[in-house]
PDB file of N, CA and C in Angstrom:
ATOM      1  N   MET A   1      21.141 -16.662  21.635  1.00  0.00           N
ATOM      2  CA  MET A   1      22.564 -15.540  22.121  1.00  0.00           C
ATOM      3  C   MET A   1      23.832 -16.164  21.879  1.00  0.00           C
ATOM      4  N   ILE A   2      24.083 -17.314  22.754  1.00  0.00           N
ATOM      5  CA  ILE A   2      25.593 -17.800  22.840  1.00  0.00           C
ATOM      6  C   ILE A   2      25.816 -18.371  21.361  1.00  0.00           C
ATOM      7  N   ASN A   3      25.099 -18.911  20.589  1.00  0.00           N
ATOM      8  CA  ASN A   3      25.141 -19.544  19.459  1.00  0.00           C
ATOM      9  C   ASN A   3      25.567 -18.774  18.296  1.00  0.00           C
ATOM     10  N   LYS A   4      25.132 -16.939  18.295  1.00  0.00           N
ATOM     11  CA  LYS A   4      24.944 -16.275  17.021  1.00  0.00           C
ATOM     12  C   LYS A   4      26.231 -15.670  17.571  1.00  0.00           C
ATOM     13  N   GLY A   5      26.718 -15.813  19.107  1.00  0.00           N
ATOM     14  CA  GLY A   5      27.664 -15.171  19.374  1.00  0.00           C
ATOM     15  C   GLY A   5      28.051 -14.053  19.722  1.00  0.00           C
ATOM     16  N   ILE A   6      26.586 -13.752  20.007  1.00  0.00           N
ATOM     17  CA  ILE A   6      26.847 -12.040  20.563  1.00  0.00           C
ATOM     18  C   ILE A   6      26.771 -11.979  22.449  1.00  0.00           C
ATOM     19  N   ILE A   7      26.823 -12.739  22.395  1.00  0.00           N
ATOM     20  CA  ILE A   7      27.322 -13.548  24.309  1.00  0.00           C
ATOM     21  C   ILE A   7      28.429 -14.034  24.540  1.00  0.00           C
ATOM     22  N   SER A   8      29.412 -13.958  25.096  1.00  0.00           N
ATOM     23  CA  SER A   8      30.663 -15.637  25.340  1.00  0.00           C
ATOM     24  C   SER A   8      30.777 -15.192  26.383  1.00  0.00           C
ATOM     25  N   GLU A   9      31.910 -16.390  27.117  1.00  0.00           N
ATOM     26  CA  GLU A   9      31.390 -16.456  28.382  1.00  0.00           C
ATOM     27  C   GLU A   9      32.199 -15.751  29.495  1.00  0.00           C
ATOM     28  N   GLU A  10      33.060 -14.436  28.503  1.00  0.00           N
ATOM     29  CA  GLU A  10      33.430 -13.346  29.038  1.00  0.00           C
ATOM     30  C   GLU A  10      32.879 -11.949  29.712  1.00  0.00           C
ATOM     31  N   ASP A  11      31.643 -12.039  28.759  1.00  0.00           N
ATOM     32  CA  ASP A  11      30.299 -11.348  29.825  1.00  0.00           C
ATOM     33  C   ASP A  11      29.594 -12.437  30.861  1.00  0.00           C
ATOM     34  N   VAL A  12      30.079 -13.188  31.581  1.00  0.00           N
ATOM     35  CA  VAL A  12      29.693 -13.916  32.531  1.00  0.00           C
ATOM     36  C   VAL A  12      30.155 -13.317  33.549  1.00  0.00           C
ATOM     37  N   GLU A  13      29.754 -13.176  35.208  1.00  0.00           N
ATOM     38  CA  GLU A  13      30.283 -12.751  35.961  1.00  0.00           C
ATOM     39  C   GLU A  13      30.234 -14.290  36.800  1.00  0.00           C
ATOM     40  N   LYS A  14      31.308 -15.082  37.208  1.00  0.00           N
ATOM     41  CA  LYS A  14      31.223 -16.041  37.844  1.00  0.00           C
ATOM     42  C   LYS A  14      32.084 -16.319  38.923  1.00  0.00           C
ATOM     43  N   ASP A  15      31.405 -16.751  40.089  1.00  0.00           N
ATOM     44  CA  ASP A  15      31.777 -17.059  41.576  1.00  0.00           C
ATOM     45  C   ASP A  15      31.063 -18.799  41.914  1.00  0.00           C
ATOM     46  N   SER A  16      31.773 -18.803  43.470  1.00  0.00           N
ATOM     47  CA  SER A  16      31.394 -20.551  43.920  1.00  0.00           C
ATOM     48  C   SER A  16      30.120 -19.974  43.925  1.00  0.00           C
ATOM     49  N   ASN A  17      29.117 -19.097  44.737  1.00  0.00           N
ATOM     50  CA  ASN A  17      27.652 -19.130  44.673  1.00  0.00           C
ATOM     51  C   ASN A  17      27.148 -18.561  43.437  1.00  0.00           C
ATOM     52  N   TYR A  18      27.195 -18.158  42.195  1.00  0.00           N
ATOM     53  CA  TYR A  18      26.810 -17.423  42.316  1.00  0.00           C
ATOM     54  C   TYR A  18      27.218 -16.872  40.239  1.00  0.00           C
ATOM     55  N   CYS A  19      26.275 -16.825  39.501  1.00  0.00           N
ATOM     56  CA  CYS A  19      26.683 -16.432  37.506  1.00  0.00           C
ATOM     57  C   CYS A  19      25.630 -15.624  37.263  1.00  0.00           C
ATOM     58  N   TYR A  20      26.158 -14.480  37.267  1.00  0.00           N
ATOM     59  CA  TYR A  20      25.496 -13.187  36.701  1.00  0.00           C
ATOM     60  C   TYR A  20      26.139 -12.776  35.556  1.00  0.00           C
ATOM     61  N   LEU A  21      25.198 -11.736  34.653  1.00  0.00           N
ATOM     62  CA  LEU A  21      25.629 -11.486  33.125  1.00  0.00           C
ATOM     63  C   LEU A  21      26.105  -9.950  34.046  1.00  0.00           C
ATOM     64  N   LYS A  22      27.443  -9.642  33.229  1.00  0.00           N
ATOM     65  CA  LYS A  22      27.446  -7.994  33.787  1.00  0.00           C
ATOM     66  C   LYS A  22      26.770  -7.253  32.912  1.00  0.00           C
ATOM     67  N   LEU A  23      26.659  -5.493  33.593  1.00  0.00           N
ATOM     68  CA  LEU A  23      25.661  -4.783  32.818  1.00  0.00           C
ATOM     69  C   LEU A  23      25.992  -4.270  31.611  1.00  0.00           C
ATOM     70  N   VAL A  24      27.381  -4.444  30.654  1.00  0.00           N
ATOM     71  CA  VAL A  24      27.114  -4.655  28.978  1.00  0.00           C
ATOM     72  C   VAL A  24      26.747  -5.673  28.642  1.00  0.00           C
ATOM     73  N   SER A  25      26.654  -7.037  29.006  1.00  0.00           N
ATOM     74  CA  SER A  25      25.978  -8.000  28.199  1.00  0.00           C
ATOM     75  C   SER A  25      24.352  -7.702  28.950  1.00  0.00           C
ATOM     76  N   LEU A  26      24.194  -7.673  30.102  1.00  0.00           N
ATOM     77  CA  LEU A  26      22.674  -7.288  30.665  1.00  0.00           C
ATOM     78  C   LEU A  26      21.980  -6.254  29.279  1.00  0.00           C
ATOM     79  N   ARG A  27      22.628  -5.762  28.662  1.00  0.00           N
ATOM     80  CA  ARG A  27      22.462  -4.212  27.428  1.00  0.00           C
ATOM     81  C   ARG A  27      22.205  -4.710  26.813  1.00  0.00           C
ATOM     82  N   LYS A  28      23.409  -5.619  25.821  1.00  0.00           N
ATOM     83  CA  LYS A  28      23.192  -6.818  24.918  1.00  0.00           C
ATOM     84  C   LYS A  28      21.927  -7.515  24.636  1.00  0.00           C
ATOM     85  N   VAL A  29      21.569  -8.285  25.641  1.00  0.00           N
ATOM     86  CA  VAL A  29      20.416  -9.001  26.046  1.00  0.00           C
ATOM     87  C   VAL A  29      18.982  -8.007  25.487  1.00  0.00           C
ATOM     88  N   THR A  30      18.912  -7.271  26.378  1.00  0.00           N
ATOM     89  CA  THR A  30      17.906  -6.728  26.497  1.00  0.00           C
ATOM     90  C   THR A  30      17.420  -5.626  25.036  1.00  0.00           C
ATOM     91  N   GLN A  31      18.600  -5.289  24.248  1.00  0.00           N
ATOM     92  CA  GLN A  31      18.244  -4.966  23.426  1.00  0.00           C
ATOM     93  C   GLN A  31      18.063  -5.669  22.066  1.00  0.00           C
ATOM     94  N   VAL A  32      18.785  -6.538  22.150  1.00  0.00           N
ATOM     95  CA  VAL A  32      18.428  -8.110  20.711  1.00  0.00           C
ATOM     96  C   VAL A  32      16.737  -8.654  20.884  1.00  0.00           C
ATOM     97  N   PHE A  33      16.349  -8.634  23.103  1.00  0.00           N
ATOM     98  CA  PHE A  33      15.130  -8.785  23.196  1.00  0.00           C
ATOM     99  C   PHE A  33      14.308  -7.388  22.565  1.00  0.00           C
ATOM    100  N   ASP A  34      14.411  -6.108  22.517  1.00  0.00           N
ATOM    101  CA  ASP A  34      13.247  -5.446  21.987  1.00  0.00           C
ATOM    102  C   ASP A  34      13.595  -5.488  20.577  1.00  0.00           C
ATOM    103  N   GLU A  35      14.592  -5.576  20.059  1.00  0.00           N
ATOM    104  CA  GLU A  35      14.630  -5.576  18.298  1.00  0.00           C
ATOM    105  C   GLU A  35      13.931  -6.922  17.841  1.00  0.00           C
ATOM    106  N   TYR A  36      13.897  -8.500  18.597  1.00  0.00           N
ATOM    107  CA  TYR A  36      12.463  -9.429  18.549  1.00  0.00           C
ATOM    108  C   TYR A  36      11.134  -9.479  18.437  1.00  0.00           C
ATOM    109  N   LEU A  37      10.796  -8.548  19.542  1.00  0.00           N
ATOM    110  CA  LEU A  37       9.761  -8.260  19.505  1.00  0.00           C
ATOM    111  C   LEU A  37       9.089  -6.438  18.812  1.00  0.00           C
ATOM    112  N   GLN A  38       9.699  -6.490  18.249  1.00  0.00           N
ATOM    113  CA  GLN A  38       9.840  -5.482  16.966  1.00  0.00           C
ATOM    114  C   GLN A  38       9.256  -6.297  15.488  1.00  0.00           C
ATOM    115  N   LYS A  39      10.122  -6.910  15.746  1.00  0.00           N
ATOM    116  CA  LYS A  39       9.531  -8.016  14.538  1.00  0.00           C
ATOM    117  C   LYS A  39       7.691  -8.241  14.749  1.00  0.00           C
ATOM    118  N   THR A  40       7.489  -8.569  12.629  1.00  0.00           N
ATOM    119  CA  THR A  40       6.285  -8.570  12.690  1.00  0.00           C
ATOM    120  C   THR A  40       5.860  -9.851  12.176  1.00  0.00           C
ATOM    121  N   VAL A  41       4.649 -10.715  12.905  1.00  0.00           N
ATOM    122  CA  VAL A  41       4.113 -11.327  11.834  1.00  0.00           C
ATOM    123  C   VAL A  41       2.462 -11.133  11.784  1.00  0.00           C
ATOM    124  N   MET A  42       1.752 -12.222  10.667  1.00  0.00           N
ATOM    125  CA  MET A  42       0.849 -11.780  10.278  1.00  0.00           C
ATOM    126  C   MET A  42      -0.227 -12.928  11.391  1.00  0.00           C
ATOM    127  N   HIS A  43      -1.161 -12.164  11.894  1.00  0.00           N
ATOM    128  CA  HIS A  43      -2.021 -12.582  12.520  1.00  0.00           C
ATOM    129  C   HIS A  43      -3.403 -13.259  11.857  1.00  0.00           C
ATOM    130  N   ARG A  44      -3.390 -14.228  12.360  1.00  0.00           N
ATOM    131  CA  ARG A  44      -4.212 -15.176  11.941  1.00  0.00           C
ATOM    132  C   ARG A  44      -6.576 -14.522  11.754  1.00  0.00           C
ATOM    133  N   GLN A  45      -6.183 -13.740  12.806  1.00  0.00           N
ATOM    134  CA  GLN A  45      -7.872 -13.582  12.961  1.00  0.00           C
ATOM    135  C   GLN A  45      -8.214 -11.806  12.386  1.00  0.00           C
ATOM    136  N   LEU A  46      -7.201 -11.074  12.312  1.00  0.00           N
ATOM    137  CA  LEU A  46      -6.732  -9.624  12.179  1.00  0.00           C
ATOM    138  C   LEU A  46      -6.743 -10.250   9.954  1.00  0.00           C
ATOM    139  N   HIS A  47      -5.729 -10.164  10.315  1.00  0.00           N
ATOM    140  CA  HIS A  47      -5.488 -11.065   9.097  1.00  0.00           C
ATOM    141  C   HIS A  47      -4.253  -9.712   8.300  1.00  0.00           C
ATOM    142  N   ARG A  48      -3.983  -8.854   9.664  1.00  0.00           N
ATOM    143  CA  ARG A  48      -2.646  -8.127   9.277  1.00  0.00           C
ATOM    144  C   ARG A  48      -1.510  -8.449   9.978  1.00  0.00           C
ATOM    145  N   LYS A  49      -0.589  -7.407   9.396  1.00  0.00           N
ATOM    146  CA  LYS A  49       0.740  -7.898  10.739  1.00  0.00           C
ATOM    147  C   LYS A  49       0.824  -7.074  12.065  1.00  0.00           C
ATOM    148  N   VAL A  50       1.305  -7.675  12.711  1.00  0.00           N
ATOM    149  CA  VAL A  50       1.583  -7.194  14.018  1.00  0.00           C
ATOM    150  C   VAL A  50       2.851  -7.643  14.836  1.00  0.00           C
ATOM    151  N   SER A  51       3.211  -6.869  15.265  1.00  0.00           N
ATOM    152  CA  SER A  51       4.564  -6.791  15.822  1.00  0.00           C
ATOM    153  C   SER A  51       4.135  -7.971  17.130  1.00  0.00           C
ATOM    154  N   TYR A  52       5.275  -8.893  17.602  1.00  0.00           N
ATOM    155  CA  TYR A  52       5.212  -9.916  18.604  1.00  0.00           C
ATOM    156  C   TYR A  52       4.814  -9.133  19.947  1.00  0.00           C
ATOM    157  N   ARG A  53       5.271  -7.986  20.358  1.00  0.00           N
ATOM    158  CA  ARG A  53       5.273  -7.056  21.457  1.00  0.00           C
ATOM    159  C   ARG A  53       3.516  -6.867  21.252  1.00  0.00           C
ATOM    160  N   HIS A  54       2.693  -6.691  20.223  1.00  0.00           N
ATOM    161  CA  HIS A  54       1.246  -6.250  19.909  1.00  0.00           C
ATOM    162  C   HIS A  54       0.353  -7.215  20.210  1.00  0.00           C
ATOM    163  N   LEU A  55       1.405  -9.075  19.706  1.00  0.00           N
ATOM    164  CA  LEU A  55       0.617  -9.951  20.187  1.00  0.00           C
ATOM    165  C   LEU A  55       0.272 -10.703  21.429  1.00  0.00           C
ATOM    166  N   ILE A  56       1.581  -9.852  22.711  1.00  0.00           N
ATOM    167  CA  ILE A  56       1.891 -10.616  23.509  1.00  0.00           C
ATOM    168  C   ILE A  56       0.449  -9.532  24.615  1.00  0.00           C
ATOM    169  N   ARG A  57       0.674  -8.748  23.573  1.00  0.00           N
ATOM    170  CA  ARG A  57      -1.049  -7.773  24.458  1.00  0.00           C
ATOM    171  C   ARG A  57      -2.876  -7.633  24.031  1.00  0.00           C
ATOM    172  N   LEU A  58      -2.295  -8.945  23.138  1.00  0.00           N
ATOM    173  CA  LEU A  58      -3.843  -9.066  22.506  1.00  0.00           C
ATOM    174  C   LEU A  58      -3.785 -10.012  23.628  1.00  0.00           C
ATOM    175  N   GLU A  59      -3.263 -11.095  23.543  1.00  0.00           N
ATOM    176  CA  GLU A  59      -3.320 -12.337  24.379  1.00  0.00           C
ATOM    177  C   GLU A  59      -3.570 -12.078  25.623  1.00  0.00           C
ATOM    178  N   CYS A  60      -3.030 -11.098  26.157  1.00  0.00           N
ATOM    179  CA  CYS A  60      -3.735 -10.412  27.605  1.00  0.00           C
ATOM    180  C   CYS A  60      -4.922  -9.968  27.741  1.00  0.00           C
ATOM    181  N   TYR A  61      -4.663  -9.536  26.622  1.00  0.00           N
ATOM    182  CA  TYR A  61      -6.283  -9.299  26.795  1.00  0.00           C
ATOM    183  C   TYR A  61      -7.225 -10.528  26.888  1.00  0.00           C
ATOM    184  N   LYS A  62      -7.229 -10.549  25.946  1.00  0.00           N
ATOM    185  CA  LYS A  62      -8.105 -12.605  26.145  1.00  0.00           C
ATOM    186  C   LYS A  62      -8.092 -12.964  26.871  1.00  0.00           C
ATOM    187  N   LEU A  63      -7.273 -13.318  28.078  1.00  0.00           N
ATOM    188  CA  LEU A  63      -7.092 -13.675  29.062  1.00  0.00           C
ATOM    189  C   LEU A  63      -8.057 -13.350  30.359  1.00  0.00           C
ATOM    190  N   VAL A  64      -7.614 -11.874  29.900  1.00  0.00           N
ATOM    191  CA  VAL A  64      -8.458 -10.788  31.014  1.00  0.00           C
ATOM    192  C   VAL A  64     -10.122 -11.114  30.820  1.00  0.00           C
ATOM    193  N   LYS A  65      -9.800 -11.286  29.437  1.00  0.00           N
ATOM    194  CA  LYS A  65     -11.535 -11.601  29.007  1.00  0.00           C
ATOM    195  C   LYS A  65     -11.735 -12.612  29.222  1.00  0.00           C
ATOM    196  N   ASP A  66     -11.117 -13.586  29.507  1.00  0.00           N
ATOM    197  CA  ASP A  66     -11.316 -15.021  29.993  1.00  0.00           C
ATOM    198  C   ASP A  66     -11.733 -14.859  31.972  1.00  0.00           C
ATOM    199  N   LEU A  67     -11.022 -14.308  32.364  1.00  0.00           N
ATOM    200  CA  LEU A  67     -10.791 -14.054  33.797  1.00  0.00           C
ATOM    201  C   LEU A  67     -12.147 -13.055  34.090  1.00  0.00           C
ATOM    202  N   LEU A  68     -12.757 -12.972  33.436  1.00  0.00           N
ATOM    203  CA  LEU A  68     -13.654 -11.508  33.773  1.00  0.00           C
ATOM    204  C   LEU A  68     -15.472 -12.994  33.128  1.00  0.00           C
ATOM    205  N   ALA A  69     -14.679 -14.033  32.805  1.00  0.00           N
ATOM    206  CA  ALA A  69     -16.033 -14.524  31.959  1.00  0.00           C
ATOM    207  C   ALA A  69     -16.810 -14.018  30.831  1.00  0.00           C
ATOM    208  N   GLU A  70     -15.854 -13.297  30.192  1.00  0.00           N
ATOM    209  CA  GLU A  70     -16.726 -12.774  28.976  1.00  0.00           C
ATOM    210  C   GLU A  70     -16.097 -13.369  27.638  1.00  0.00           C
ATOM    211  N   LEU A  71     -15.348 -14.107  27.721  1.00  0.00           N
ATOM    212  CA  LEU A  71     -15.208 -14.906  26.478  1.00  0.00           C
ATOM    213  C   LEU A  71     -14.575 -16.100  27.442  1.00  0.00           C
ATOM    214  N   ARG A  72     -14.533 -17.283  26.148  1.00  0.00           N
ATOM    215  CA  ARG A  72     -13.905 -18.647  26.689  1.00  0.00           C
ATOM    216  C   ARG A  72     -12.742 -19.175  26.171  1.00  0.00           C
ATOM    217  N   ILE A  73     -11.413 -19.273  26.420  1.00  0.00           N
ATOM    218  CA  ILE A  73     -10.986 -19.314  25.526  1.00  0.00           C
ATOM    219  C   ILE A  73     -10.553 -21.125  25.767  1.00  0.00           C
ATOM    220  N   PRO A  74     -10.988 -22.356  24.991  1.00  0.00           N
ATOM    221  CA  PRO A  74     -10.015 -23.028  25.187  1.00  0.00           C
ATOM    222  C   PRO A  74      -8.932 -23.488  25.754  1.00  0.00           C
ATOM    223  N   PRO A  75      -8.499 -24.304  26.963  1.00  0.00           N
ATOM    224  CA  PRO A  75      -7.194 -24.702  26.968  1.00  0.00           C
ATOM    225  C   PRO A  75      -6.095 -25.845  25.190  1.00  0.00           C
ATOM    226  N   PHE A  76      -5.136 -25.309  26.682  1.00  0.00           N
ATOM    227  CA  PHE A  76      -4.260 -26.166  25.087  1.00  0.00           C
ATOM    228  C   PHE A  76      -4.623 -27.681  24.911  1.00  0.00           C
TER     229      PHE A  76
END
């Protein structure tokens, strides 16, 4: 976001012990992140387009199934 010029040095509150995003900048970050999560990609197994948000949810379901020993997910 810095490289794209969405956030600059003025958007950060700096002191000797901390460095925080200002409230306006935090809204910019969450808006851009939400827009990114709405982008779609082709799912390999479903053979249809799904959003990144839905893809994360599907991966969480697989993780839960692995923890419950219903499905074995191979490690990386």
